Protein backbone atom coordinates (compact mmCIF):
# COMPACT_ATOMS: atom_id res chain seq x y z
CA MET A 1 -53.15 15.06 -48.26
CA LYS A 2 -52.38 15.84 -44.64
CA MET A 3 -52.88 13.44 -41.78
CA LEU A 4 -52.65 13.97 -38.07
CA LEU A 5 -51.78 10.91 -36.01
CA LEU A 6 -52.37 10.80 -32.29
CA LEU A 7 -50.01 8.40 -30.52
CA THR A 8 -51.43 6.90 -27.37
CA PHE A 9 -50.13 4.73 -24.59
CA THR A 10 -52.72 3.20 -22.32
CA GLY A 11 -55.24 5.67 -23.60
CA LEU A 12 -53.25 8.82 -22.81
CA PRO A 13 -51.99 11.08 -25.62
CA ILE A 14 -48.19 11.32 -25.69
CA GLY A 15 -47.44 13.16 -28.91
CA PHE A 16 -48.53 14.24 -32.35
CA CYS A 17 -46.98 13.32 -35.70
CA TYR A 18 -47.65 15.20 -38.96
CA TRP A 19 -47.34 13.28 -42.16
CA ARG A 20 -47.85 14.28 -45.77
CA LEU A 21 -47.99 11.48 -48.20
CA GLY A 22 -45.29 11.73 -50.82
CA GLU A 23 -43.94 15.07 -49.57
CA ILE A 24 -41.30 16.16 -47.09
CA PRO A 25 -42.97 18.07 -44.27
CA PRO A 26 -42.03 21.75 -43.94
CA GLN A 27 -40.83 21.23 -40.35
CA VAL A 28 -37.84 19.16 -41.50
CA GLY A 29 -35.81 22.33 -42.12
CA ARG A 30 -36.50 23.46 -38.58
CA ARG A 31 -35.76 20.00 -37.23
CA GLN A 32 -32.37 20.05 -38.93
CA THR A 33 -31.62 23.37 -37.29
CA ILE A 34 -32.67 21.92 -33.96
CA LEU A 35 -30.50 18.87 -34.57
CA LYS A 36 -27.55 21.12 -35.38
CA THR A 37 -28.13 23.03 -32.16
CA ARG A 38 -28.44 19.75 -30.29
CA GLU A 39 -25.19 18.55 -31.83
CA ASP A 40 -23.50 21.76 -30.70
CA THR A 41 -25.00 21.34 -27.24
CA MET A 42 -23.78 17.74 -27.06
CA LYS A 43 -20.29 18.80 -28.18
CA MET A 44 -20.25 21.46 -25.48
CA ARG A 45 -21.44 19.00 -22.85
CA LEU A 46 -18.80 16.49 -23.96
CA LEU A 47 -16.11 19.18 -23.78
CA LEU A 48 -17.24 20.15 -20.28
CA ALA A 49 -17.29 16.51 -19.20
CA PHE A 50 -13.71 15.98 -20.44
CA THR A 51 -12.60 19.19 -18.73
CA ALA A 52 -14.18 18.06 -15.46
CA LEU A 53 -12.48 14.66 -15.76
CA ALA A 54 -9.11 16.28 -16.45
CA ILE A 55 -9.47 18.52 -13.40
CA GLY A 56 -10.70 15.57 -11.35
CA PHE A 57 -7.59 13.58 -12.18
CA ALA A 58 -5.18 16.51 -11.88
CA VAL A 59 -6.18 17.59 -8.36
CA PRO A 60 -5.31 14.27 -6.62
CA VAL A 61 -2.02 14.12 -8.51
CA LEU A 62 -1.11 17.60 -7.32
CA ALA A 63 -2.15 16.66 -3.78
CA GLN A 64 0.04 13.56 -3.93
CA GLU A 65 3.00 15.63 -5.12
CA LYS A 66 2.57 17.78 -2.02
CA ASN A 67 2.85 14.73 0.28
CA THR A 68 5.57 12.85 -1.59
CA ILE A 69 8.99 12.61 -0.06
CA ASP A 70 12.41 13.02 -1.56
CA PRO A 71 13.96 9.70 -2.70
CA ALA A 72 17.00 10.44 -0.52
CA VAL A 73 14.74 10.73 2.55
CA ARG A 74 13.06 7.44 1.60
CA GLN A 75 16.49 5.77 1.48
CA GLN A 76 17.31 7.21 4.91
CA ILE A 77 14.06 5.77 6.32
CA GLU A 78 14.87 2.40 4.74
CA ALA A 79 18.33 2.57 6.36
CA VAL A 80 16.73 3.18 9.78
CA ASN A 81 14.49 0.15 9.17
CA MET A 82 17.52 -1.99 8.28
CA LYS A 83 19.39 -0.91 11.44
CA TYR A 84 16.29 -1.70 13.49
CA ASP A 85 16.02 -5.16 11.89
CA GLU A 86 19.72 -5.85 12.49
CA ALA A 87 19.44 -4.82 16.16
CA TYR A 88 16.31 -6.95 16.59
CA ASN A 89 17.90 -10.00 14.98
CA LYS A 90 20.93 -9.63 17.28
CA GLY A 91 18.68 -9.29 20.35
CA ASP A 92 20.12 -5.84 21.14
CA ALA A 93 17.40 -3.90 23.00
CA ALA A 94 19.65 -0.85 23.57
CA ALA A 95 20.34 -0.52 19.82
CA ILE A 96 16.61 -0.75 19.10
CA VAL A 97 15.80 1.96 21.65
CA ALA A 98 18.49 4.19 20.09
CA ARG A 99 16.21 4.39 17.01
CA TYR A 100 13.39 5.97 19.07
CA THR A 101 12.84 9.50 20.39
CA GLN A 102 12.91 9.90 24.15
CA ASP A 103 9.10 10.34 24.32
CA ALA A 104 8.31 7.63 21.75
CA VAL A 105 5.24 5.41 21.91
CA GLU A 106 5.16 1.84 20.62
CA VAL A 107 1.93 -0.12 20.24
CA TRP A 108 1.72 -3.82 19.43
CA GLY A 109 -1.68 -4.99 18.25
CA TRP A 110 -1.38 -8.63 19.31
CA ALA A 111 -2.27 -10.35 22.59
CA SER A 112 1.10 -9.93 24.33
CA GLY A 113 1.38 -6.37 22.98
CA GLY A 114 -0.05 -3.23 24.39
CA VAL A 115 1.49 0.20 24.73
CA ALA A 116 5.02 1.10 25.76
CA SER A 117 5.87 4.78 26.27
CA GLY A 118 9.38 6.22 26.54
CA TRP A 119 12.84 4.71 26.22
CA GLN A 120 12.77 2.74 29.48
CA ALA A 121 9.43 1.05 28.81
CA ILE A 122 10.35 0.20 25.22
CA GLU A 123 13.76 -1.18 26.23
CA GLU A 124 12.19 -3.25 29.03
CA ARG A 125 9.64 -4.63 26.56
CA TYR A 126 12.38 -5.84 24.21
CA LYS A 127 14.53 -7.27 27.01
CA ILE A 128 11.55 -9.34 28.19
CA ARG A 129 10.77 -10.44 24.65
CA PHE A 130 14.36 -11.43 23.89
CA ALA A 131 14.68 -13.31 27.20
CA ALA A 132 11.46 -15.22 26.45
CA THR A 133 12.59 -16.15 22.95
CA ALA A 134 16.27 -16.86 23.68
CA SER A 135 15.89 -20.59 22.97
CA THR A 136 14.16 -19.99 19.63
CA PRO A 137 15.59 -16.80 18.16
CA GLY A 138 13.56 -15.19 15.41
CA THR A 139 14.40 -12.93 12.53
CA LEU A 140 12.64 -9.74 11.60
CA SER A 141 12.51 -8.29 8.12
CA ARG A 142 10.66 -5.10 7.16
CA LYS A 143 9.96 -3.70 3.72
CA LEU A 144 8.92 -0.06 3.27
CA VAL A 145 5.66 0.03 1.29
CA GLN A 146 4.66 3.72 1.38
CA ALA A 147 6.07 6.90 2.86
CA TYR A 148 4.27 10.24 3.20
CA ALA A 149 5.30 13.66 4.41
CA ILE A 150 3.27 15.02 7.32
CA GLY A 151 4.66 18.50 7.77
CA ASN A 152 8.32 17.92 8.68
CA ASP A 153 7.66 14.34 9.82
CA ILE A 154 7.38 11.15 7.77
CA CYS A 155 4.67 8.53 8.03
CA ALA A 156 5.92 5.16 6.78
CA ILE A 157 3.90 2.02 6.18
CA SER A 158 5.97 -1.14 6.21
CA GLU A 159 5.23 -4.80 5.70
CA PHE A 160 7.08 -7.06 8.08
CA SER A 161 7.71 -10.74 8.39
CA HIS A 162 8.85 -12.18 11.67
CA VAL A 163 10.09 -15.72 11.75
CA TYR A 164 9.42 -16.80 15.31
CA ARG A 165 8.14 -20.30 15.90
CA GLN A 166 5.49 -20.51 13.14
CA GLY A 167 6.28 -17.09 11.67
CA SER A 168 4.02 -14.13 11.20
CA LYS A 169 3.42 -11.28 8.81
CA GLY A 170 1.87 -7.91 9.32
CA TYR A 171 2.09 -4.19 8.80
CA SER A 172 3.48 -1.35 10.83
CA VAL A 173 2.79 2.36 10.68
CA THR A 174 5.66 4.47 11.93
CA ILE A 175 6.05 8.22 12.40
CA TYR A 176 9.63 9.40 11.95
CA VAL A 177 10.93 12.78 13.12
CA ARG A 178 14.21 14.48 12.38
CA GLU A 179 16.61 14.76 15.35
CA GLY A 180 19.85 16.32 14.23
CA ASP A 181 21.02 14.36 11.19
CA ASP A 182 19.07 11.21 12.07
CA TRP A 183 15.49 10.06 11.63
CA LYS A 184 14.02 8.75 14.88
CA ILE A 185 10.83 6.83 15.59
CA ARG A 186 8.28 8.87 17.53
CA MET A 187 5.38 6.43 17.20
CA ASP A 188 5.22 2.84 15.97
CA TYR A 189 2.14 0.68 15.61
CA ALA A 190 2.55 -2.94 14.53
CA ASN A 191 -0.19 -5.49 13.93
């Protein structure tokens, strides 16, 4: 005995279902073939998804390798930071300026900051700062967080803490260029 069932949802037909009482319908063999094809399709889709994920993760890693710097260069940048900190903590504006290129730009993002361009302006800025804080000397400490190669230059992100009166913390972004055997600061932004 064969029956045809019409499935409806809100009065609209949505599908047909064949059913033989006590027998397996002849379409089952075809359905198994379809299921096998669907399984193969799902396996292929899963394989493609994993391949896309692998490529998606590999590309940024390769891009990062391109911008990474040599550990020796990172140590040299950290040494420049330490010399800068030592000069700052001694109140030596000339030693600080010696870490900059002649056409360097320094930007401070706080109220008394602004832009200083060139050795003379940067040195004058530090002389004024050290004269204003002579009675309450502060200490500066910077820690290199990240360093990236930008062509032949290095972009370094550092976290600093400056103990002056109540103390402050912030970040600086510095561009270093090679001058002879030394790394010099071409641009420094602190906030």
